[in-house]
Amino acid sequence: MLPFLLVTPKSLKTSKETEVLVALSLSITCNALEMLSLFVGYTIFSYATGMISTCCHVVGSIILAFVLLESLSVTTLWYCFAFTCVFPAFIELVTIVVISRVQGGK
């Protein structure tokens, strides 16, 4: 058998830990993007963007608590990451692009 086809419990645990670390690192990056756009002033007065971001982060906190307390699978963490970190960051980027175009057209 090829060595990469062997899955031992230790290697499986290490791969899951790495997967969780990558998900958390990416979520911190998305949150940093949101905070930067807020502090620079692009989305500080965009109420819809703020509401979407707040709702997604509240839901994400609840889901993350369930993932940690119930020891759910790492796949659930990725769904949580996609909905509660990537989606608000994408909305922030769209808002920044729209505001930049509006300000550039003046």
PDB file of N, CA and C in Angstrom:
ATOM      1  N   MET A   1       0.833  -1.186   0.000  1.00  0.00           N
ATOM      2  CA  MET A   1       0.000   0.000   0.000  1.00  0.00           C
ATOM      3  C   MET A   1       0.875   1.246   0.000  1.00  0.00           C
ATOM      4  N   LEU A   2       0.323   2.262  -0.567  1.00  0.00           N
ATOM      5  CA  LEU A   2       1.038   3.522  -0.603  1.00  0.00           C
ATOM      6  C   LEU A   2       0.932   4.210   0.753  1.00  0.00           C
ATOM      7  N   PRO A   3       1.968   4.916   1.173  1.00  0.00           N
ATOM      8  CA  PRO A   3       1.957   5.525   2.501  1.00  0.00           C
ATOM      9  C   PRO A   3       0.859   6.564   2.701  1.00  0.00           C
ATOM     10  N   PHE A   4       0.464   7.279   1.634  1.00  0.00           N
ATOM     11  CA  PHE A   4      -0.544   8.310   1.824  1.00  0.00           C
ATOM     12  C   PHE A   4      -1.948   7.729   1.935  1.00  0.00           C
ATOM     13  N   LEU A   5      -2.110   6.445   1.656  1.00  0.00           N
ATOM     14  CA  LEU A   5      -3.414   5.816   1.802  1.00  0.00           C
ATOM     15  C   LEU A   5      -3.646   5.291   3.212  1.00  0.00           C
ATOM     16  N   LEU A   6      -2.586   5.221   3.996  1.00  0.00           N
ATOM     17  CA  LEU A   6      -2.723   4.761   5.367  1.00  0.00           C
ATOM     18  C   LEU A   6      -3.236   5.902   6.231  1.00  0.00           C
ATOM     19  N   VAL A   7      -4.348   5.661   6.896  1.00  0.00           N
ATOM     20  CA  VAL A   7      -4.906   6.675   7.775  1.00  0.00           C
ATOM     21  C   VAL A   7      -4.887   6.119   9.185  1.00  0.00           C
ATOM     22  N   THR A   8      -4.035   6.692   9.986  1.00  0.00           N
ATOM     23  CA  THR A   8      -3.970   6.279  11.383  1.00  0.00           C
ATOM     24  C   THR A   8      -4.760   7.273  12.217  1.00  0.00           C
ATOM     25  N   PRO A   9      -5.190   6.881  13.401  1.00  0.00           N
ATOM     26  CA  PRO A   9      -5.932   7.832  14.240  1.00  0.00           C
ATOM     27  C   PRO A   9      -5.151   9.104  14.539  1.00  0.00           C
ATOM     28  N   LYS A  10      -3.837   8.976  14.707  1.00  0.00           N
ATOM     29  CA  LYS A  10      -3.035  10.164  14.993  1.00  0.00           C
ATOM     30  C   LYS A  10      -2.983  11.096  13.789  1.00  0.00           C
ATOM     31  N   SER A  11      -2.813  10.537  12.586  1.00  0.00           N
ATOM     32  CA  SER A  11      -2.763  11.388  11.401  1.00  0.00           C
ATOM     33  C   SER A  11      -4.129  12.003  11.110  1.00  0.00           C
ATOM     34  N   LEU A  12      -5.201  11.273  11.411  1.00  0.00           N
ATOM     35  CA  LEU A  12      -6.537  11.815  11.223  1.00  0.00           C
ATOM     36  C   LEU A  12      -6.777  12.970  12.186  1.00  0.00           C
ATOM     37  N   LYS A  13      -6.330  12.807  13.438  1.00  0.00           N
ATOM     38  CA  LYS A  13      -6.485  13.871  14.423  1.00  0.00           C
ATOM     39  C   LYS A  13      -5.675  15.095  14.016  1.00  0.00           C
ATOM     40  N   THR A  14      -4.466  14.869  13.530  1.00  0.00           N
ATOM     41  CA  THR A  14      -3.617  15.977  13.100  1.00  0.00           C
ATOM     42  C   THR A  14      -4.239  16.707  11.915  1.00  0.00           C
ATOM     43  N   SER A  15      -4.815  15.967  10.964  1.00  0.00           N
ATOM     44  CA  SER A  15      -5.423  16.616   9.803  1.00  0.00           C
ATOM     45  C   SER A  15      -6.663  17.408  10.206  1.00  0.00           C
ATOM     46  N   LYS A  16      -7.431  16.900  11.144  1.00  0.00           N
ATOM     47  CA  LYS A  16      -8.614  17.637  11.615  1.00  0.00           C
ATOM     48  C   LYS A  16      -8.199  18.883  12.392  1.00  0.00           C
ATOM     49  N   GLU A  17      -7.148  18.779  13.190  1.00  0.00           N
ATOM     50  CA  GLU A  17      -6.654  19.955  13.913  1.00  0.00           C
ATOM     51  C   GLU A  17      -6.160  21.013  12.935  1.00  0.00           C
ATOM     52  N   THR A  18      -5.482  20.582  11.890  1.00  0.00           N
ATOM     53  CA  THR A  18      -5.006  21.512  10.872  1.00  0.00           C
ATOM     54  C   THR A  18      -6.186  22.158  10.159  1.00  0.00           C
ATOM     55  N   GLU A  19      -7.216  21.372   9.882  1.00  0.00           N
ATOM     56  CA  GLU A  19      -8.401  21.898   9.214  1.00  0.00           C
ATOM     57  C   GLU A  19      -9.101  22.959  10.070  1.00  0.00           C
ATOM     58  N   VAL A  20      -9.203  22.698  11.358  1.00  0.00           N
ATOM     59  CA  VAL A  20      -9.809  23.671  12.267  1.00  0.00           C
ATOM     60  C   VAL A  20      -8.946  24.927  12.345  1.00  0.00           C
ATOM     61  N   LEU A  21      -7.647  24.767  12.393  1.00  0.00           N
ATOM     62  CA  LEU A  21      -6.747  25.914  12.449  1.00  0.00           C
ATOM     63  C   LEU A  21      -6.864  26.769  11.189  1.00  0.00           C
ATOM     64  N   VAL A  22      -6.974  26.135  10.033  1.00  0.00           N
ATOM     65  CA  VAL A  22      -7.132  26.879   8.785  1.00  0.00           C
ATOM     66  C   VAL A  22      -8.463  27.625   8.784  1.00  0.00           C
ATOM     67  N   ALA A  23      -9.533  26.967   9.228  1.00  0.00           N
ATOM     68  CA  ALA A  23     -10.844  27.625   9.272  1.00  0.00           C
ATOM     69  C   ALA A  23     -10.826  28.828  10.207  1.00  0.00           C
ATOM     70  N   LEU A  24     -10.221  28.680  11.358  1.00  0.00           N
ATOM     71  CA  LEU A  24     -10.158  29.798  12.298  1.00  0.00           C
ATOM     72  C   LEU A  24      -9.276  30.933  11.776  1.00  0.00           C
ATOM     73  N   SER A  25      -8.181  30.595  11.113  1.00  0.00           N
ATOM     74  CA  SER A  25      -7.309  31.620  10.534  1.00  0.00           C
ATOM     75  C   SER A  25      -8.025  32.397   9.433  1.00  0.00           C
ATOM     76  N   LEU A  26      -8.762  31.689   8.595  1.00  0.00           N
ATOM     77  CA  LEU A  26      -9.511  32.363   7.536  1.00  0.00           C
ATOM     78  C   LEU A  26     -10.635  33.225   8.102  1.00  0.00           C
ATOM     79  N   SER A  27     -11.259  32.767   9.170  1.00  0.00           N
ATOM     80  CA  SER A  27     -12.326  33.580   9.771  1.00  0.00           C
ATOM     81  C   SER A  27     -11.757  34.847  10.410  1.00  0.00           C
ATOM     82  N   ILE A  28     -10.581  34.743  11.004  1.00  0.00           N
ATOM     83  CA  ILE A  28      -9.939  35.943  11.556  1.00  0.00           C
ATOM     84  C   ILE A  28      -9.580  36.911  10.434  1.00  0.00           C
ATOM     85  N   THR A  29      -9.143  36.398   9.297  1.00  0.00           N
ATOM     86  CA  THR A  29      -8.821  37.236   8.149  1.00  0.00           C
ATOM     87  C   THR A  29     -10.069  37.952   7.631  1.00  0.00           C
ATOM     88  N   CYS A  30     -11.178  37.220   7.514  1.00  0.00           N
ATOM     89  CA  CYS A  30     -12.425  37.840   7.051  1.00  0.00           C
ATOM     90  C   CYS A  30     -12.907  38.899   8.038  1.00  0.00           C
ATOM     91  N   ASN A  31     -12.795  38.620   9.325  1.00  0.00           N
ATOM     92  CA  ASN A  31     -13.199  39.600  10.328  1.00  0.00           C
ATOM     93  C   ASN A  31     -12.296  40.827  10.302  1.00  0.00           C
ATOM     94  N   ALA A  32     -11.013  40.632  10.058  1.00  0.00           N
ATOM     95  CA  ALA A  32     -10.093  41.765   9.950  1.00  0.00           C
ATOM     96  C   ALA A  32     -10.455  42.634   8.745  1.00  0.00           C
ATOM     97  N   LEU A  33     -10.844  42.013   7.641  1.00  0.00           N
ATOM     98  CA  LEU A  33     -11.287  42.762   6.464  1.00  0.00           C
ATOM     99  C   LEU A  33     -12.520  43.588   6.798  1.00  0.00           C
ATOM    100  N   GLU A  34     -13.467  42.993   7.498  1.00  0.00           N
ATOM    101  CA  GLU A  34     -14.675  43.730   7.876  1.00  0.00           C
ATOM    102  C   GLU A  34     -14.350  44.900   8.807  1.00  0.00           C
ATOM    103  N   MET A  35     -13.501  44.667   9.775  1.00  0.00           N
ATOM    104  CA  MET A  35     -13.148  45.726  10.716  1.00  0.00           C
ATOM    105  C   MET A  35     -12.380  46.852  10.018  1.00  0.00           C
ATOM    106  N   LEU A  36     -11.497  46.492   9.111  1.00  0.00           N
ATOM    107  CA  LEU A  36     -10.731  47.499   8.378  1.00  0.00           C
ATOM    108  C   LEU A  36     -11.651  48.380   7.545  1.00  0.00           C
ATOM    109  N   SER A  37     -12.605  47.764   6.841  1.00  0.00           N
ATOM    110  CA  SER A  37     -13.516  48.567   6.019  1.00  0.00           C
ATOM    111  C   SER A  37     -14.425  49.425   6.892  1.00  0.00           C
ATOM    112  N   LEU A  38     -14.747  48.945   8.078  1.00  0.00           N
ATOM    113  CA  LEU A  38     -15.564  49.734   8.994  1.00  0.00           C
ATOM    114  C   LEU A  38     -14.778  50.931   9.520  1.00  0.00           C
ATOM    115  N   PHE A  39     -13.531  50.698   9.955  1.00  0.00           N
ATOM    116  CA  PHE A  39     -12.738  51.773  10.535  1.00  0.00           C
ATOM    117  C   PHE A  39     -12.272  52.792   9.497  1.00  0.00           C
ATOM    118  N   VAL A  40     -12.064  52.349   8.263  1.00  0.00           N
ATOM    119  CA  VAL A  40     -11.679  53.290   7.208  1.00  0.00           C
ATOM    120  C   VAL A  40     -12.857  54.193   6.870  1.00  0.00           C
ATOM    121  N   GLY A  41     -14.058  53.689   7.072  1.00  0.00           N
ATOM    122  CA  GLY A  41     -15.240  54.511   6.872  1.00  0.00           C
ATOM    123  C   GLY A  41     -16.069  54.150   5.670  1.00  0.00           C
ATOM    124  N   TYR A  42     -15.708  53.093   4.984  1.00  0.00           N
ATOM    125  CA  TYR A  42     -16.479  52.709   3.804  1.00  0.00           C
ATOM    126  C   TYR A  42     -17.887  52.250   4.169  1.00  0.00           C
ATOM    127  N   THR A  43     -18.009  51.418   5.180  1.00  0.00           N
ATOM    128  CA  THR A  43     -19.315  50.826   5.468  1.00  0.00           C
ATOM    129  C   THR A  43     -19.887  51.263   6.813  1.00  0.00           C
ATOM    130  N   ILE A  44     -19.364  52.324   7.382  1.00  0.00           N
ATOM    131  CA  ILE A  44     -19.820  52.725   8.705  1.00  0.00           C
ATOM    132  C   ILE A  44     -21.265  53.233   8.669  1.00  0.00           C
ATOM    133  N   PHE A  45     -21.708  53.811   7.560  1.00  0.00           N
ATOM    134  CA  PHE A  45     -23.071  54.319   7.467  1.00  0.00           C
ATOM    135  C   PHE A  45     -23.969  53.444   6.598  1.00  0.00           C
ATOM    136  N   SER A  46     -23.494  52.278   6.217  1.00  0.00           N
ATOM    137  CA  SER A  46     -24.310  51.340   5.457  1.00  0.00           C
ATOM    138  C   SER A  46     -25.033  50.432   6.448  1.00  0.00           C
ATOM    139  N   TYR A  47     -26.283  50.777   6.721  1.00  0.00           N
ATOM    140  CA  TYR A  47     -27.025  50.070   7.760  1.00  0.00           C
ATOM    141  C   TYR A  47     -27.354  48.632   7.366  1.00  0.00           C
ATOM    142  N   ALA A  48     -27.638  48.408   6.091  1.00  0.00           N
ATOM    143  CA  ALA A  48     -27.960  47.050   5.646  1.00  0.00           C
ATOM    144  C   ALA A  48     -26.749  46.136   5.783  1.00  0.00           C
ATOM    145  N   THR A  49     -25.592  46.622   5.419  1.00  0.00           N
ATOM    146  CA  THR A  49     -24.364  45.836   5.546  1.00  0.00           C
ATOM    147  C   THR A  49     -24.077  45.526   7.007  1.00  0.00           C
ATOM    148  N   GLY A  50     -24.264  46.504   7.861  1.00  0.00           N
ATOM    149  CA  GLY A  50     -24.049  46.286   9.289  1.00  0.00           C
ATOM    150  C   GLY A  50     -25.010  45.278   9.877  1.00  0.00           C
ATOM    151  N   MET A  51     -26.270  45.330   9.441  1.00  0.00           N
ATOM    152  CA  MET A  51     -27.269  44.392   9.949  1.00  0.00           C
ATOM    153  C   MET A  51     -26.984  42.970   9.473  1.00  0.00           C
ATOM    154  N   ILE A  52     -26.607  42.824   8.218  1.00  0.00           N
ATOM    155  CA  ILE A  52     -26.263  41.493   7.700  1.00  0.00           C
ATOM    156  C   ILE A  52     -25.066  40.931   8.451  1.00  0.00           C
ATOM    157  N   SER A  53     -24.067  41.747   8.628  1.00  0.00           N
ATOM    158  CA  SER A  53     -22.864  41.308   9.325  1.00  0.00           C
ATOM    159  C   SER A  53     -23.172  40.925  10.771  1.00  0.00           C
ATOM    160  N   THR A  54     -23.939  41.758  11.455  1.00  0.00           N
ATOM    161  CA  THR A  54     -24.277  41.475  12.851  1.00  0.00           C
ATOM    162  C   THR A  54     -25.083  40.187  12.981  1.00  0.00           C
ATOM    163  N   CYS A  55     -26.088  40.024  12.137  1.00  0.00           N
ATOM    164  CA  CYS A  55     -26.918  38.806  12.194  1.00  0.00           C
ATOM    165  C   CYS A  55     -26.094  37.560  11.896  1.00  0.00           C
ATOM    166  N   CYS A  56     -25.243  37.632  10.889  1.00  0.00           N
ATOM    167  CA  CYS A  56     -24.414  36.465  10.556  1.00  0.00           C
ATOM    168  C   CYS A  56     -23.460  36.119  11.689  1.00  0.00           C
ATOM    169  N   HIS A  57     -22.892  37.124  12.342  1.00  0.00           N
ATOM    170  CA  HIS A  57     -21.951  36.849  13.421  1.00  0.00           C
ATOM    171  C   HIS A  57     -22.658  36.328  14.676  1.00  0.00           C
ATOM    172  N   VAL A  58     -23.872  36.779  14.928  1.00  0.00           N
ATOM    173  CA  VAL A  58     -24.637  36.236  16.063  1.00  0.00           C
ATOM    174  C   VAL A  58     -24.971  34.769  15.814  1.00  0.00           C
ATOM    175  N   VAL A  59     -25.459  34.472  14.621  1.00  0.00           N
ATOM    176  CA  VAL A  59     -25.766  33.082  14.278  1.00  0.00           C
ATOM    177  C   VAL A  59     -24.494  32.234  14.311  1.00  0.00           C
ATOM    178  N   GLY A  60     -23.398  32.797  13.825  1.00  0.00           N
ATOM    179  CA  GLY A  60     -22.127  32.078  13.839  1.00  0.00           C
ATOM    180  C   GLY A  60     -21.641  31.774  15.241  1.00  0.00           C
ATOM    181  N   SER A  61     -21.839  32.701  16.155  1.00  0.00           N
ATOM    182  CA  SER A  61     -21.445  32.459  17.549  1.00  0.00           C
ATOM    183  C   SER A  61     -22.249  31.327  18.159  1.00  0.00           C
ATOM    184  N   ILE A  62     -23.534  31.300  17.867  1.00  0.00           N
ATOM    185  CA  ILE A  62     -24.390  30.234  18.391  1.00  0.00           C
ATOM    186  C   ILE A  62     -24.000  28.891  17.794  1.00  0.00           C
ATOM    187  N   ILE A  63     -23.793  28.851  16.485  1.00  0.00           N
ATOM    188  CA  ILE A  63     -23.413  27.594  15.832  1.00  0.00           C
ATOM    189  C   ILE A  63     -22.051  27.120  16.320  1.00  0.00           C
ATOM    190  N   LEU A  64     -21.110  28.047  16.480  1.00  0.00           N
ATOM    191  CA  LEU A  64     -19.784  27.676  16.963  1.00  0.00           C
ATOM    192  C   LEU A  64     -19.853  27.112  18.379  1.00  0.00           C
ATOM    193  N   ALA A  65     -20.721  27.673  19.203  1.00  0.00           N
ATOM    194  CA  ALA A  65     -20.901  27.119  20.553  1.00  0.00           C
ATOM    195  C   ALA A  65     -21.421  25.690  20.491  1.00  0.00           C
ATOM    196  N   PHE A  66     -22.377  25.431  19.588  1.00  0.00           N
ATOM    197  CA  PHE A  66     -22.875  24.066  19.434  1.00  0.00           C
ATOM    198  C   PHE A  66     -21.791  23.131  18.910  1.00  0.00           C
ATOM    199  N   VAL A  67     -20.993  23.614  17.970  1.00  0.00           N
ATOM    200  CA  VAL A  67     -19.910  22.776  17.419  1.00  0.00           C
ATOM    201  C   VAL A  67     -18.933  22.399  18.524  1.00  0.00           C
ATOM    202  N   LEU A  68     -18.586  23.362  19.372  1.00  0.00           N
ATOM    203  CA  LEU A  68     -17.625  23.096  20.438  1.00  0.00           C
ATOM    204  C   LEU A  68     -18.224  22.248  21.561  1.00  0.00           C
ATOM    205  N   LEU A  69     -19.451  22.550  21.964  1.00  0.00           N
ATOM    206  CA  LEU A  69     -20.054  21.839  23.086  1.00  0.00           C
ATOM    207  C   LEU A  69     -20.515  20.429  22.722  1.00  0.00           C
ATOM    208  N   GLU A  70     -21.004  20.247  21.520  1.00  0.00           N
ATOM    209  CA  GLU A  70     -21.526  18.946  21.108  1.00  0.00           C
ATOM    210  C   GLU A  70     -20.494  18.103  20.366  1.00  0.00           C
ATOM    211  N   SER A  71     -19.300  18.632  20.175  1.00  0.00           N
ATOM    212  CA  SER A  71     -18.225  17.934  19.452  1.00  0.00           C
ATOM    213  C   SER A  71     -18.698  17.462  18.078  1.00  0.00           C
ATOM    214  N   LEU A  72     -19.281  18.385  17.339  1.00  0.00           N
ATOM    215  CA  LEU A  72     -19.766  18.066  16.002  1.00  0.00           C
ATOM    216  C   LEU A  72     -18.586  17.953  15.037  1.00  0.00           C
ATOM    217  N   SER A  73     -18.862  17.525  13.839  1.00  0.00           N
ATOM    218  CA  SER A  73     -17.792  17.290  12.873  1.00  0.00           C
ATOM    219  C   SER A  73     -17.202  18.609  12.374  1.00  0.00           C
ATOM    220  N   VAL A  74     -16.039  18.492  11.803  1.00  0.00           N
ATOM    221  CA  VAL A  74     -15.339  19.665  11.276  1.00  0.00           C
ATOM    222  C   VAL A  74     -16.074  20.201  10.047  1.00  0.00           C
ATOM    223  N   THR A  75     -16.798  19.341   9.348  1.00  0.00           N
ATOM    224  CA  THR A  75     -17.568  19.778   8.188  1.00  0.00           C
ATOM    225  C   THR A  75     -18.602  20.821   8.592  1.00  0.00           C
ATOM    226  N   THR A  76     -19.196  20.654   9.749  1.00  0.00           N
ATOM    227  CA  THR A  76     -20.152  21.634  10.261  1.00  0.00           C
ATOM    228  C   THR A  76     -19.472  22.974  10.489  1.00  0.00           C
ATOM    229  N   LEU A  77     -18.243  22.940  10.940  1.00  0.00           N
ATOM    230  CA  LEU A  77     -17.486  24.175  11.147  1.00  0.00           C
ATOM    231  C   LEU A  77     -17.262  24.902   9.831  1.00  0.00           C
ATOM    232  N   TRP A  78     -17.026  24.163   8.742  1.00  0.00           N
ATOM    233  CA  TRP A  78     -16.832  24.801   7.435  1.00  0.00           C
ATOM    234  C   TRP A  78     -18.107  25.457   6.946  1.00  0.00           C
ATOM    235  N   TYR A  79     -19.268  24.821   7.178  1.00  0.00           N
ATOM    236  CA  TYR A  79     -20.534  25.447   6.803  1.00  0.00           C
ATOM    237  C   TYR A  79     -20.752  26.724   7.606  1.00  0.00           C
ATOM    238  N   CYS A  80     -20.438  26.649   8.875  1.00  0.00           N
ATOM    239  CA  CYS A  80     -20.539  27.830   9.744  1.00  0.00           C
ATOM    240  C   CYS A  80     -19.619  28.931   9.232  1.00  0.00           C
ATOM    241  N   PHE A  81     -18.412  28.582   8.868  1.00  0.00           N
ATOM    242  CA  PHE A  81     -17.443  29.548   8.349  1.00  0.00           C
ATOM    243  C   PHE A  81     -17.947  30.187   7.058  1.00  0.00           C
ATOM    244  N   ALA A  82     -18.491  29.375   6.158  1.00  0.00           N
ATOM    245  CA  ALA A  82     -18.949  29.898   4.865  1.00  0.00           C
ATOM    246  C   ALA A  82     -20.091  30.888   5.039  1.00  0.00           C
ATOM    247  N   PHE A  83     -21.036  30.565   5.916  1.00  0.00           N
ATOM    248  CA  PHE A  83     -22.199  31.432   6.068  1.00  0.00           C
ATOM    249  C   PHE A  83     -21.914  32.647   6.933  1.00  0.00           C
ATOM    250  N   THR A  84     -21.120  32.488   7.965  1.00  0.00           N
ATOM    251  CA  THR A  84     -20.989  33.561   8.944  1.00  0.00           C
ATOM    252  C   THR A  84     -19.709  34.376   8.820  1.00  0.00           C
ATOM    253  N   CYS A  85     -18.784  33.974   7.992  1.00  0.00           N
ATOM    254  CA  CYS A  85     -17.551  34.762   7.812  1.00  0.00           C
ATOM    255  C   CYS A  85     -17.347  35.186   6.363  1.00  0.00           C
ATOM    256  N   VAL A  86     -17.481  34.248   5.444  1.00  0.00           N
ATOM    257  CA  VAL A  86     -17.232  34.565   4.037  1.00  0.00           C
ATOM    258  C   VAL A  86     -18.355  35.445   3.475  1.00  0.00           C
ATOM    259  N   PHE A  87     -19.593  35.106   3.804  1.00  0.00           N
ATOM    260  CA  PHE A  87     -20.727  35.878   3.290  1.00  0.00           C
ATOM    261  C   PHE A  87     -20.675  37.347   3.729  1.00  0.00           C
ATOM    262  N   PRO A  88     -20.488  37.666   5.023  1.00  0.00           N
ATOM    263  CA  PRO A  88     -20.379  39.087   5.388  1.00  0.00           C
ATOM    264  C   PRO A  88     -19.160  39.775   4.778  1.00  0.00           C
ATOM    265  N   ALA A  89     -18.041  39.050   4.658  1.00  0.00           N
ATOM    266  CA  ALA A  89     -16.854  39.650   4.038  1.00  0.00           C
ATOM    267  C   ALA A  89     -17.112  39.954   2.563  1.00  0.00           C
ATOM    268  N   PHE A  90     -17.823  39.064   1.890  1.00  0.00           N
ATOM    269  CA  PHE A  90     -18.187  39.299   0.487  1.00  0.00           C
ATOM    270  C   PHE A  90     -19.103  40.517   0.362  1.00  0.00           C
ATOM    271  N   ILE A  91     -20.075  40.638   1.258  1.00  0.00           N
ATOM    272  CA  ILE A  91     -20.972  41.798   1.255  1.00  0.00           C
ATOM    273  C   ILE A  91     -20.174  43.082   1.502  1.00  0.00           C
ATOM    274  N   GLU A  92     -19.199  43.018   2.400  1.00  0.00           N
ATOM    275  CA  GLU A  92     -18.340  44.182   2.664  1.00  0.00           C
ATOM    276  C   GLU A  92     -17.573  44.579   1.397  1.00  0.00           C
ATOM    277  N   LEU A  93     -17.015  43.587   0.708  1.00  0.00           N
ATOM    278  CA  LEU A  93     -16.258  43.885  -0.509  1.00  0.00           C
ATOM    279  C   LEU A  93     -17.151  44.503  -1.583  1.00  0.00           C
ATOM    280  N   VAL A  94     -18.363  43.962  -1.728  1.00  0.00           N
ATOM    281  CA  VAL A  94     -19.295  44.518  -2.708  1.00  0.00           C
ATOM    282  C   VAL A  94     -19.645  45.950  -2.336  1.00  0.00           C
ATOM    283  N   THR A  95     -19.880  46.203  -1.066  1.00  0.00           N
ATOM    284  CA  THR A  95     -20.203  47.556  -0.610  1.00  0.00           C
ATOM    285  C   THR A  95     -19.036  48.513  -0.860  1.00  0.00           C
ATOM    286  N   ILE A  96     -17.821  48.055  -0.603  1.00  0.00           N
ATOM    287  CA  ILE A  96     -16.636  48.893  -0.842  1.00  0.00           C
ATOM    288  C   ILE A  96     -16.515  49.234  -2.321  1.00  0.00           C
ATOM    289  N   VAL A  97     -16.744  48.249  -3.191  1.00  0.00           N
ATOM    290  CA  VAL A  97     -16.639  48.494  -4.632  1.00  0.00           C
ATOM    291  C   VAL A  97     -17.717  49.475  -5.082  1.00  0.00           C
ATOM    292  N   VAL A  98     -18.941  49.305  -4.589  1.00  0.00           N
ATOM    293  CA  VAL A  98     -20.027  50.197  -4.979  1.00  0.00           C
ATOM    294  C   VAL A  98     -19.760  51.618  -4.494  1.00  0.00           C
ATOM    295  N   ILE A  99     -19.325  51.760  -3.254  1.00  0.00           N
ATOM    296  CA  ILE A  99     -19.056  53.093  -2.714  1.00  0.00           C
ATOM    297  C   ILE A  99     -17.881  53.741  -3.434  1.00  0.00           C
ATOM    298  N   SER A 100     -16.861  52.951  -3.754  1.00  0.00           N
ATOM    299  CA  SER A 100     -15.701  53.502  -4.483  1.00  0.00           C
ATOM    300  C   SER A 100     -16.099  53.997  -5.853  1.00  0.00           C
ATOM    301  N   ARG A 101     -16.981  53.272  -6.524  1.00  0.00           N
ATOM    302  CA  ARG A 101     -17.428  53.706  -7.858  1.00  0.00           C
ATOM    303  C   ARG A 101     -18.288  54.956  -7.764  1.00  0.00           C
ATOM    304  N   VAL A 102     -19.121  55.028  -6.735  1.00  0.00           N
ATOM    305  CA  VAL A 102     -19.969  56.218  -6.578  1.00  0.00           C
ATOM    306  C   VAL A 102     -19.101  57.431  -6.281  1.00  0.00           C
ATOM    307  N   GLN A 103     -18.113  57.274  -5.389  1.00  0.00           N
ATOM    308  CA  GLN A 103     -17.242  58.389  -5.050  1.00  0.00           C
ATOM    309  C   GLN A 103     -16.321  58.755  -6.211  1.00  0.00           C
ATOM    310  N   GLY A 104     -15.937  57.771  -6.999  1.00  0.00           N
ATOM    311  CA  GLY A 104     -15.070  58.034  -8.143  1.00  0.00           C
ATOM    312  C   GLY A 104     -15.786  58.745  -9.276  1.00  0.00           C
ATOM    313  N   GLY A 105     -17.107  58.584  -9.335  1.00  0.00           N
ATOM    314  CA  GLY A 105     -17.882  59.201 -10.409  1.00  0.00           C
ATOM    315  C   GLY A 105     -18.245  60.653 -10.153  1.00  0.00           C
ATOM    316  N   LYS A 106     -17.945  61.176  -8.990  1.00  0.00           N
ATOM    317  CA  LYS A 106     -18.300  62.564  -8.665  1.00  0.00           C
ATOM    318  C   LYS A 106     -17.425  63.546  -9.372  1.00  0.00           C
TER     319      LYS A 106
END
